[in-house]
Amino acid sequence: MIKTGSGYSVVLRVELPKRPGMLGKVLTAIGRAGGNMGAVDIVGFNQGRIIRDIEAGAADLDMAKLIIAAVRRIKEIKILNVADRTLLIHQGGKIELKSKIPLKTRDDLAMAYTPGVARVAMAIYDQPERVYELTMKKNSVAIVTDGTAVLGLGDIGPAAALPVMEGKALLFKNFAEIDAFPICLNTRNTEEIIRAVKWISPGFGAISLEDISSPRCFEIESRLKKEMDIPVFHDDQHGTAVVVLAGLINALKVVGKRLEDVRIVVCGLGAAGIATIRLLIASGVGQIIGCDRAGILYRGRPENMNPIKKEISGLTNPDQLKGAIGRALRGADVLIGVSEARAVAVEDIRRMAGDAIIFAMANPVPEILPEEAESFARVIATGRPDYDNQLSDILCFPGLFRGVFDCRAREINQEMLIAAAYAIASCVPPEELMEQHIVPSVFNRNVSKKVAQAVTEAALRTSVGTTENKYAMFS
């Protein structure tokens, strides 16, 4: 059964008689329909009747409709309004642009705009690098998508992707004080996307690619990294990979196994799966098997292949196993799911090694539900906030970009990603580490700080960042 949560919660404004037991009837009806009770408030009165707002959590839209229907069936109860709490907080968008300086006098205006701004423009013209000093570029990210691979929704287009990109911008600001701007491109053409990002790049200090379908996302990221002089990061790939590595570092401590000894099965060979495999290999894992809809990935496999999978097939599955994912999981220590709902059966999990680790990260429904796997695995994590061990990219990207900006890094390399993963893992103190707590809370504000510091140190160590302040006040 899928848990209820705030993602589908509704607020029912109801009018009911001012008699004992009437509120209880409403709450009982909500509970019998599967709903989870939230806040109950009195908001007014009408001719001796009470008007209340009642919050109810549901597992999905169908359950929300059942809750509403159940309350409607109660005699003497009148539903005045039903509000979807999630839609309400998105009304008018979630972000806005604010001025950092006052505009109260003519002097303020003369310095911020004409004629004073002309001096600033010419200072940048004479010394182009001063754009980092004299504009918002040094702390701004463009969040670029074409809307072809959004969350668990798939290809919904750039307009429908906008609220997701707004949410990402909100996270950048709240967790790392970075200004991020949603850029939703109305094209799916790889060359056009590359050109568009290059055209807008003068105004940004870094690019975060989001929700672009595989395998195009690999070429887009690779080309932009080669052709631009600012960092480019595809969060669906590398953000996921970093958080998986962080969780795995701590999960292996819990079960007493070593990274270099375990056998890992990765279910899903899209952007996240491929990037996770690459980062795990770079971190010292030697035994990895990739699986997708066509089964186990092996060298020479003819079905469901592309150049990226062909490359990965040469780096994984050293024993050249063939068949369905169940065969790959026999004796495996770790399952990492970055695919789709119900991709793994309970019978397959039974055959894993003792003290198994399962990261089932498909959203909103994981590859296997924790309730189904808990008898056969020691550590279980998902991408959802309503289970223990939420593996969320929120733990990675705000601090990562903060570190990139703090040292003016030219690129984001593997050493920086690995440093970010170990920094996230270190945010769980040894005395708190347990099966149900392998990663810090997404609301732990120390995570972004530690990740930023670790990323900066790795950038400096690998000579892609700098601590130099090039410009004096009157240069």
Protein backbone atom coordinates (compact mmCIF):
# COMPACT_ATOMS: atom_id res chain seq x y z
CA MET A 1 0.00 0.00 0.00
CA ILE A 2 1.25 3.48 -0.90
CA LYS A 3 1.61 5.82 2.03
CA THR A 4 -0.39 9.00 2.30
CA GLY A 5 1.41 12.34 2.33
CA SER A 6 1.17 16.08 1.85
CA GLY A 7 1.74 15.81 -1.91
CA TYR A 8 -1.93 14.96 -2.45
CA SER A 9 -3.46 16.59 0.62
CA VAL A 10 -6.67 18.55 0.34
CA VAL A 11 -8.39 21.08 2.56
CA LEU A 12 -12.15 20.64 2.84
CA ARG A 13 -14.13 23.66 3.99
CA VAL A 14 -17.27 22.17 5.51
CA GLU A 15 -20.33 23.56 7.21
CA LEU A 16 -21.76 21.34 9.93
CA PRO A 17 -24.33 21.59 12.73
CA LYS A 18 -23.12 22.85 16.08
CA ARG A 19 -23.78 19.52 17.79
CA PRO A 20 -21.49 17.03 19.56
CA GLY A 21 -20.30 14.21 17.34
CA MET A 22 -20.66 15.94 13.96
CA LEU A 23 -16.94 16.62 13.57
CA GLY A 24 -16.26 13.01 14.61
CA LYS A 25 -18.46 11.76 11.76
CA VAL A 26 -16.42 13.74 9.25
CA LEU A 27 -13.09 12.56 10.64
CA THR A 28 -14.28 8.95 10.71
CA ALA A 29 -15.41 9.16 7.08
CA ILE A 30 -12.01 10.55 6.04
CA GLY A 31 -10.20 7.77 7.90
CA ARG A 32 -12.35 5.02 6.38
CA ALA A 33 -11.59 6.39 2.92
CA GLY A 34 -7.87 5.93 3.66
CA GLY A 35 -7.08 9.55 4.45
CA ASN A 36 -4.62 10.86 6.99
CA MET A 37 -5.82 13.62 9.30
CA GLY A 38 -4.11 16.99 9.43
CA ALA A 39 -5.07 20.33 10.93
CA VAL A 40 -8.69 21.12 11.84
CA ASP A 41 -9.58 24.81 12.21
CA ILE A 42 -12.73 26.84 12.87
CA VAL A 43 -12.93 29.58 10.23
CA GLY A 44 -16.43 30.98 10.81
CA PHE A 45 -20.08 30.53 11.73
CA ASN A 46 -23.29 30.67 9.69
CA GLN A 47 -26.71 30.76 11.37
CA GLY A 48 -25.74 28.49 14.21
CA ARG A 49 -23.62 26.19 12.07
CA ILE A 50 -19.82 25.90 12.29
CA ILE A 51 -17.54 26.33 9.27
CA ARG A 52 -14.32 24.33 9.55
CA ASP A 53 -11.24 23.75 7.39
CA ILE A 54 -10.19 20.10 7.60
CA GLU A 55 -6.88 18.95 6.13
CA ALA A 56 -6.70 15.39 4.81
CA GLY A 57 -3.66 13.61 3.35
CA ALA A 58 -4.14 11.13 0.52
CA ALA A 59 -1.92 8.67 -1.31
CA ASP A 60 -3.02 9.85 -4.75
CA LEU A 61 -5.76 11.76 -6.57
CA ASP A 62 -8.11 8.77 -6.59
CA MET A 63 -7.94 8.55 -2.80
CA ALA A 64 -8.53 12.30 -2.53
CA LYS A 65 -11.72 11.89 -4.59
CA LEU A 66 -12.85 9.02 -2.33
CA ILE A 67 -12.33 11.21 0.74
CA ILE A 68 -14.40 14.03 -0.74
CA ALA A 69 -17.18 11.62 -1.77
CA ALA A 70 -17.23 10.04 1.70
CA VAL A 71 -17.71 13.40 3.40
CA ARG A 72 -20.42 14.41 0.90
CA ARG A 73 -22.45 11.34 1.86
CA ILE A 74 -22.80 12.50 5.47
CA LYS A 75 -26.25 13.98 6.06
CA GLU A 76 -26.34 17.56 7.37
CA ILE A 77 -22.74 18.18 6.23
CA LYS A 78 -22.22 20.69 3.44
CA ILE A 79 -18.89 20.97 1.58
CA LEU A 80 -18.35 24.62 0.71
CA ASN A 81 -14.99 24.26 -1.03
CA VAL A 82 -12.17 21.81 -1.68
CA ALA A 83 -8.61 23.13 -2.12
CA ASP A 84 -5.58 21.18 -3.31
CA ARG A 85 -2.79 22.31 -0.98
CA THR A 86 -0.03 21.53 -3.46
CA LEU A 87 -1.64 23.57 -6.24
CA LEU A 88 -2.27 26.42 -3.80
CA ILE A 89 1.40 26.93 -2.96
CA HIS A 90 2.22 27.12 -6.68
CA GLN A 91 -0.28 29.89 -7.40
CA GLY A 92 1.58 32.67 -9.22
CA GLY A 93 4.83 30.69 -9.17
CA LYS A 94 7.27 30.00 -6.34
CA ILE A 95 10.11 32.45 -7.06
CA GLU A 96 10.54 36.14 -7.82
CA LEU A 97 13.30 38.64 -8.59
CA LYS A 98 14.11 41.23 -5.94
CA SER A 99 16.33 44.30 -5.93
CA LYS A 100 19.46 44.19 -3.76
CA ILE A 101 19.85 47.97 -3.63
CA PRO A 102 17.43 50.82 -2.83
CA LEU A 103 16.09 53.16 -5.49
CA LYS A 104 14.90 56.12 -3.42
CA THR A 105 16.79 59.10 -4.83
CA ARG A 106 18.06 60.46 -8.12
CA ASP A 107 21.58 59.54 -7.01
CA ASP A 108 20.52 55.93 -6.49
CA LEU A 109 19.05 55.82 -9.98
CA ALA A 110 22.06 57.56 -11.55
CA MET A 111 24.46 54.98 -10.11
CA ALA A 112 22.33 51.87 -10.65
CA TYR A 113 21.31 52.82 -14.17
CA THR A 114 22.20 55.64 -16.51
CA PRO A 115 24.64 57.38 -16.53
CA GLY A 116 26.64 55.46 -13.89
CA VAL A 117 26.05 52.00 -15.33
CA ALA A 118 27.95 53.01 -18.47
CA ARG A 119 31.19 53.09 -16.46
CA VAL A 120 30.53 49.57 -15.23
CA ALA A 121 29.75 48.33 -18.74
CA MET A 122 33.00 49.80 -20.07
CA ALA A 123 34.99 48.34 -17.17
CA ILE A 124 33.77 44.89 -18.26
CA TYR A 125 34.42 45.72 -21.92
CA ASP A 126 38.02 46.62 -21.09
CA GLN A 127 38.50 43.63 -18.76
CA PRO A 128 35.93 40.92 -19.59
CA GLU A 129 36.70 38.87 -16.47
CA ARG A 130 35.35 41.71 -14.33
CA VAL A 131 31.85 40.50 -15.23
CA TYR A 132 32.27 38.13 -12.28
CA GLU A 133 33.01 41.05 -9.97
CA LEU A 134 30.50 43.62 -11.20
CA THR A 135 27.40 41.55 -12.07
CA MET A 136 25.35 38.68 -10.70
CA LYS A 137 27.15 36.17 -12.97
CA LYS A 138 29.40 34.84 -10.21
CA ASN A 139 26.39 33.57 -8.23
CA SER A 140 23.82 32.69 -10.89
CA VAL A 141 22.80 29.37 -12.43
CA ALA A 142 20.65 28.70 -15.48
CA ILE A 143 18.42 25.66 -14.94
CA VAL A 144 17.92 24.41 -18.50
CA THR A 145 15.39 21.81 -19.61
CA ASP A 146 13.39 20.73 -22.63
CA GLY A 147 10.85 18.90 -20.48
CA THR A 148 11.43 15.47 -22.02
CA ALA A 149 12.27 13.50 -18.85
CA VAL A 150 10.61 15.25 -15.91
CA LEU A 151 10.76 13.51 -12.52
CA GLY A 152 8.60 10.39 -12.77
CA LEU A 153 6.37 12.05 -15.37
CA GLY A 154 8.46 11.62 -18.51
CA ASP A 155 7.99 13.75 -21.62
CA ILE A 156 5.57 16.51 -20.58
CA GLY A 157 7.14 19.44 -22.45
CA PRO A 158 8.79 22.71 -21.39
CA ALA A 159 5.71 24.53 -20.07
CA ALA A 160 4.66 21.70 -17.76
CA ALA A 161 8.28 21.40 -16.63
CA LEU A 162 8.38 25.03 -15.46
CA PRO A 163 7.01 24.43 -11.92
CA VAL A 164 9.66 21.75 -11.42
CA MET A 165 12.41 24.14 -12.52
CA GLU A 166 10.96 26.83 -10.25
CA GLY A 167 11.16 24.36 -7.38
CA LYS A 168 14.80 23.69 -8.19
CA ALA A 169 15.52 27.43 -8.18
CA LEU A 170 13.80 27.69 -4.79
CA LEU A 171 16.11 25.01 -3.41
CA PHE A 172 19.22 26.70 -4.77
CA LYS A 173 18.27 29.91 -2.99
CA ASN A 174 17.15 28.37 0.29
CA PHE A 175 20.00 25.94 0.76
CA ALA A 176 22.94 27.76 -0.82
CA GLU A 177 22.03 31.43 -1.42
CA ILE A 178 22.45 30.93 -5.17
CA ASP A 179 20.29 32.76 -7.70
CA ALA A 180 18.88 30.27 -10.19
CA PHE A 181 16.69 30.94 -13.22
CA PRO A 182 14.41 28.42 -14.98
CA ILE A 183 15.09 28.24 -18.72
CA CYS A 184 12.53 26.00 -20.46
CA LEU A 185 13.45 25.50 -24.11
CA ASN A 186 10.76 24.82 -26.70
CA THR A 187 12.92 22.47 -28.76
CA ARG A 188 14.05 18.84 -28.56
CA ASN A 189 16.79 19.21 -31.14
CA THR A 190 20.19 18.49 -29.63
CA GLU A 191 22.03 21.09 -31.71
CA GLU A 192 19.44 23.77 -30.98
CA ILE A 193 19.64 23.12 -27.23
CA ILE A 194 23.43 23.35 -27.33
CA ARG A 195 23.28 26.60 -29.28
CA ALA A 196 20.64 28.09 -26.98
CA VAL A 197 22.67 27.36 -23.85
CA LYS A 198 25.79 28.85 -25.42
CA TRP A 199 23.82 31.96 -26.45
CA ILE A 200 22.55 32.63 -22.89
CA SER A 201 25.78 31.67 -21.12
CA PRO A 202 27.26 35.20 -20.78
CA GLY A 203 24.70 35.96 -18.09
CA PHE A 204 25.37 32.91 -15.93
CA GLY A 205 28.22 31.50 -13.88
CA ALA A 206 27.18 27.88 -14.39
CA ILE A 207 24.62 25.69 -16.17
CA SER A 208 22.47 23.02 -14.53
CA LEU A 209 20.89 20.73 -17.10
CA GLU A 210 17.65 19.16 -15.93
CA ASP A 211 15.18 16.54 -17.10
CA ILE A 212 16.54 16.04 -20.62
CA SER A 213 15.92 12.54 -21.94
CA SER A 214 18.62 9.93 -22.45
CA PRO A 215 20.75 9.41 -24.48
CA ARG A 216 20.61 13.02 -25.81
CA CYS A 217 21.51 14.36 -22.36
CA PHE A 218 24.95 12.75 -22.55
CA GLU A 219 25.89 14.45 -25.82
CA ILE A 220 24.44 17.80 -24.75
CA GLU A 221 26.40 17.81 -21.50
CA SER A 222 29.61 16.56 -23.13
CA ARG A 223 29.50 19.13 -25.93
CA LEU A 224 28.69 22.04 -23.61
CA LYS A 225 31.55 21.11 -21.29
CA LYS A 226 33.95 21.19 -24.23
CA GLU A 227 32.59 24.31 -25.90
CA MET A 228 31.95 26.65 -22.94
CA ASP A 229 34.15 28.24 -20.28
CA ILE A 230 31.71 27.84 -17.36
CA PRO A 231 30.84 24.68 -15.40
CA VAL A 232 28.07 22.44 -16.76
CA PHE A 233 26.31 19.91 -14.54
CA HIS A 234 23.51 17.47 -15.34
CA ASP A 235 21.80 16.88 -12.02
CA ASP A 236 19.78 13.86 -13.15
CA GLN A 237 23.11 12.15 -13.79
CA HIS A 238 25.62 13.42 -11.29
CA GLY A 239 23.42 14.65 -8.45
CA THR A 240 21.83 11.23 -8.20
CA ALA A 241 25.17 9.46 -8.48
CA VAL A 242 26.72 11.54 -5.69
CA VAL A 243 23.85 10.87 -3.27
CA VAL A 244 23.89 7.15 -4.09
CA LEU A 245 27.62 7.00 -3.35
CA ALA A 246 27.13 8.92 -0.11
CA GLY A 247 24.40 6.54 1.03
CA LEU A 248 26.44 3.51 0.00
CA ILE A 249 29.50 4.69 1.95
CA ASN A 250 27.48 4.74 5.16
CA ALA A 251 25.34 1.68 4.40
CA LEU A 252 28.49 -0.40 3.94
CA LYS A 253 29.74 0.80 7.33
CA VAL A 254 26.50 -0.44 8.88
CA VAL A 255 26.76 -3.92 7.35
CA GLY A 256 30.55 -4.20 7.71
CA LYS A 257 31.44 -4.54 4.04
CA ARG A 258 33.96 -2.70 1.86
CA LEU A 259 33.31 -0.73 -1.32
CA GLU A 260 35.95 -2.63 -3.28
CA ASP A 261 34.54 -6.05 -2.28
CA VAL A 262 30.81 -5.78 -2.90
CA ARG A 263 28.89 -6.80 -6.01
CA ILE A 264 26.43 -4.13 -7.12
CA VAL A 265 23.46 -4.41 -9.48
CA VAL A 266 22.22 -1.17 -11.04
CA CYS A 267 18.62 -1.40 -12.29
CA GLY A 268 18.07 1.30 -14.90
CA LEU A 269 20.51 2.48 -17.54
CA GLY A 270 19.27 5.96 -18.25
CA ALA A 271 21.05 9.16 -17.22
CA ALA A 272 21.11 8.39 -13.50
CA GLY A 273 22.09 4.74 -13.88
CA ILE A 274 24.97 5.40 -16.27
CA ALA A 275 26.36 8.25 -14.16
CA THR A 276 26.06 6.16 -10.99
CA ILE A 277 28.00 3.30 -12.57
CA ARG A 278 30.74 5.67 -13.73
CA LEU A 279 31.08 7.31 -10.31
CA LEU A 280 31.11 3.97 -8.48
CA ILE A 281 33.86 2.70 -10.78
CA ALA A 282 35.85 5.89 -10.17
CA SER A 283 35.37 5.32 -6.43
CA GLY A 284 36.89 1.84 -6.50
CA VAL A 285 33.95 -0.54 -7.02
CA GLY A 286 35.06 -3.45 -9.15
CA GLN A 287 31.96 -5.60 -9.55
CA ILE A 288 28.97 -3.89 -11.15
CA ILE A 289 26.22 -5.32 -13.32
CA GLY A 290 23.82 -3.04 -15.19
CA CYS A 291 20.27 -4.02 -16.11
CA ASP A 292 17.44 -2.44 -18.09
CA ARG A 293 14.23 -3.55 -19.79
CA ALA A 294 16.23 -5.90 -22.02
CA GLY A 295 17.80 -7.59 -18.98
CA ILE A 296 21.46 -7.79 -18.01
CA LEU A 297 23.86 -5.58 -19.98
CA TYR A 298 26.75 -7.52 -21.50
CA ARG A 299 29.29 -6.96 -24.26
CA GLY A 300 27.72 -7.54 -27.66
CA ARG A 301 24.11 -7.43 -26.46
CA PRO A 302 21.95 -6.59 -29.52
CA GLU A 303 18.74 -5.36 -27.83
CA ASN A 304 18.00 -1.85 -26.55
CA MET A 305 21.51 -0.48 -27.03
CA ASN A 306 23.06 2.93 -27.73
CA PRO A 307 26.70 4.13 -27.82
CA ILE A 308 26.69 4.94 -24.09
CA LYS A 309 25.42 1.49 -23.11
CA LYS A 310 27.97 -0.08 -25.45
CA GLU A 311 30.72 1.79 -23.64
CA ILE A 312 29.39 0.78 -20.20
CA SER A 313 29.05 -2.86 -21.26
CA GLY A 314 32.82 -2.97 -21.58
CA LEU A 315 33.33 -1.66 -18.03
CA THR A 316 30.83 -3.86 -16.17
CA ASN A 317 29.64 -7.46 -15.81
CA PRO A 318 33.10 -9.08 -15.87
CA ASP A 319 31.58 -12.59 -15.90
CA GLN A 320 29.34 -11.71 -18.86
CA LEU A 321 26.13 -12.87 -17.20
CA LYS A 322 23.01 -12.90 -19.38
CA GLY A 323 19.32 -13.01 -18.61
CA ALA A 324 16.84 -11.11 -16.44
CA ILE A 325 17.69 -8.98 -13.41
CA GLY A 326 16.88 -11.87 -11.09
CA ARG A 327 19.99 -13.70 -12.25
CA ALA A 328 22.15 -10.64 -11.66
CA LEU A 329 20.80 -10.32 -8.11
CA ARG A 330 21.79 -13.84 -7.05
CA GLY A 331 24.43 -13.28 -4.38
CA ALA A 332 24.57 -9.53 -5.00
CA ASP A 333 25.34 -7.29 -2.03
CA VAL A 334 23.71 -4.10 -3.31
CA LEU A 335 20.77 -3.20 -5.54
CA ILE A 336 20.57 0.36 -6.84
CA GLY A 337 17.26 1.08 -8.54
CA VAL A 338 17.01 4.13 -10.81
CA SER A 339 14.35 2.83 -13.18
CA GLU A 340 10.59 2.49 -12.72
CA ALA A 341 7.90 1.29 -10.33
CA ARG A 342 7.82 -2.42 -9.49
CA ALA A 343 10.84 -3.25 -11.65
CA VAL A 344 12.09 -5.84 -9.12
CA ALA A 345 10.19 -8.79 -7.67
CA VAL A 346 10.34 -10.00 -4.07
CA GLU A 347 11.57 -13.39 -5.30
CA ASP A 348 14.61 -11.70 -6.85
CA ILE A 349 15.45 -9.92 -3.58
CA ARG A 350 15.36 -13.21 -1.65
CA ARG A 351 18.40 -14.41 -3.60
CA MET A 352 20.66 -11.51 -2.65
CA ALA A 353 23.59 -11.95 -0.25
CA GLY A 354 23.18 -11.62 3.50
CA ASP A 355 23.02 -8.09 4.93
CA ALA A 356 21.82 -6.85 1.55
CA ILE A 357 21.52 -3.14 0.74
CA ILE A 358 18.64 -1.91 -1.43
CA PHE A 359 18.35 1.61 -2.83
CA ALA A 360 14.97 1.70 -4.62
CA MET A 361 14.82 5.26 -5.95
CA ALA A 362 12.03 5.32 -8.54
CA ASN A 363 9.39 7.95 -7.72
CA PRO A 364 6.66 8.03 -6.65
CA VAL A 365 6.54 4.22 -6.49
CA PRO A 366 9.94 2.52 -5.97
CA GLU A 367 11.26 -0.55 -7.77
CA ILE A 368 10.23 -2.55 -4.73
CA LEU A 369 8.39 -1.25 -1.69
CA PRO A 370 10.38 -1.19 1.57
CA GLU A 371 7.60 -3.20 3.26
CA GLU A 372 8.17 -5.99 0.75
CA ALA A 373 11.95 -5.97 0.98
CA GLU A 374 12.53 -5.43 4.70
CA SER A 375 12.61 -9.16 5.51
CA PHE A 376 15.44 -9.74 3.04
CA ALA A 377 17.58 -6.58 3.29
CA ARG A 378 19.49 -4.95 6.13
CA VAL A 379 19.48 -1.39 4.77
CA ILE A 380 16.76 0.08 2.55
CA ALA A 381 16.62 3.58 1.05
CA THR A 382 14.25 5.27 -1.39
CA GLY A 383 13.84 8.66 -3.03
CA ARG A 384 10.72 9.40 -0.98
CA PRO A 385 10.46 11.58 2.14
CA ASP A 386 7.91 9.31 3.86
CA TYR A 387 10.35 6.42 4.31
CA ASP A 388 13.64 6.26 6.20
CA ASN A 389 16.83 7.10 4.28
CA GLN A 390 15.60 9.49 1.60
CA LEU A 391 18.25 9.67 -1.15
CA SER A 392 17.56 13.12 -2.56
CA ASP A 393 19.71 15.25 -4.85
CA ILE A 394 18.90 18.16 -2.53
CA LEU A 395 21.78 16.84 -0.44
CA CYS A 396 24.14 17.42 -3.35
CA PHE A 397 23.51 20.21 -5.83
CA PRO A 398 23.12 23.30 -3.59
CA GLY A 399 26.41 22.71 -1.77
CA LEU A 400 28.15 21.52 -4.93
CA PHE A 401 27.38 24.73 -6.81
CA ARG A 402 28.18 26.82 -3.74
CA GLY A 403 31.63 25.26 -3.71
CA VAL A 404 32.01 25.76 -7.46
CA PHE A 405 31.21 29.46 -7.14
CA ASP A 406 33.32 29.97 -4.02
CA CYS A 407 36.47 28.98 -5.89
CA ARG A 408 35.46 30.05 -9.42
CA ALA A 409 35.91 26.48 -10.65
CA ARG A 410 36.18 26.13 -14.43
CA GLU A 411 34.55 22.71 -14.45
CA ILE A 412 33.08 19.99 -12.24
CA ASN A 413 35.24 16.86 -12.28
CA GLN A 414 34.96 13.38 -10.79
CA GLU A 415 37.20 14.28 -7.85
CA MET A 416 34.77 17.05 -6.88
CA LEU A 417 31.79 14.68 -7.13
CA ILE A 418 33.47 12.05 -4.97
CA ALA A 419 34.45 14.72 -2.44
CA ALA A 420 30.81 15.84 -2.30
CA ALA A 421 29.65 12.26 -1.63
CA TYR A 422 32.08 11.75 1.25
CA ALA A 423 31.10 15.15 2.68
CA ILE A 424 27.41 14.16 2.67
CA ALA A 425 28.23 10.84 4.31
CA SER A 426 30.26 12.58 7.01
CA CYS A 427 27.19 14.56 8.08
CA VAL A 428 25.88 11.44 9.82
CA PRO A 429 27.95 11.13 13.04
CA PRO A 430 29.20 7.61 13.87
CA GLU A 431 27.04 7.47 16.99
CA GLU A 432 23.91 8.15 14.89
CA LEU A 433 24.70 5.79 12.01
CA MET A 434 22.23 2.89 11.78
CA GLU A 435 20.10 0.96 9.30
CA GLN A 436 17.41 3.64 9.37
CA HIS A 437 19.80 6.61 9.21
CA ILE A 438 22.52 6.43 6.55
CA VAL A 439 22.13 9.95 5.09
CA PRO A 440 21.47 13.29 6.76
CA SER A 441 18.12 15.04 6.59
CA VAL A 442 17.57 17.25 3.56
CA PHE A 443 16.89 20.05 6.06
CA ASN A 444 20.29 19.71 7.73
CA ARG A 445 21.83 23.09 6.89
CA ASN A 446 25.35 21.85 7.63
CA VAL A 447 25.22 19.55 4.59
CA SER A 448 25.50 22.34 2.01
CA LYS A 449 28.33 23.95 3.97
CA LYS A 450 30.33 20.74 4.24
CA VAL A 451 29.74 19.84 0.59
CA ALA A 452 30.77 23.32 -0.54
CA GLN A 453 34.00 23.16 1.47
CA ALA A 454 34.85 19.67 0.20
CA VAL A 455 34.11 20.62 -3.41
CA THR A 456 36.24 23.76 -3.15
CA GLU A 457 39.15 21.80 -1.71
CA ALA A 458 38.89 19.18 -4.47
CA ALA A 459 38.73 21.88 -7.15
CA LEU A 460 41.84 23.56 -5.78
CA ARG A 461 43.61 20.22 -5.42
CA THR A 462 42.91 19.36 -9.06
CA SER A 463 43.77 22.87 -10.29
CA VAL A 464 40.34 23.75 -11.69
CA GLY A 465 39.58 26.40 -9.05
CA THR A 466 41.25 29.48 -7.63
CA THR A 467 41.31 31.56 -4.45
CA GLU A 468 42.80 34.56 -6.23
CA ASN A 469 40.96 37.90 -6.10
CA LYS A 470 42.06 39.50 -9.37
CA TYR A 471 40.58 42.94 -9.01
CA ALA A 472 41.34 45.81 -6.69
CA MET A 473 38.82 48.59 -6.10
CA PHE A 474 40.50 51.07 -8.49
CA SER A 475 42.23 48.86 -11.05
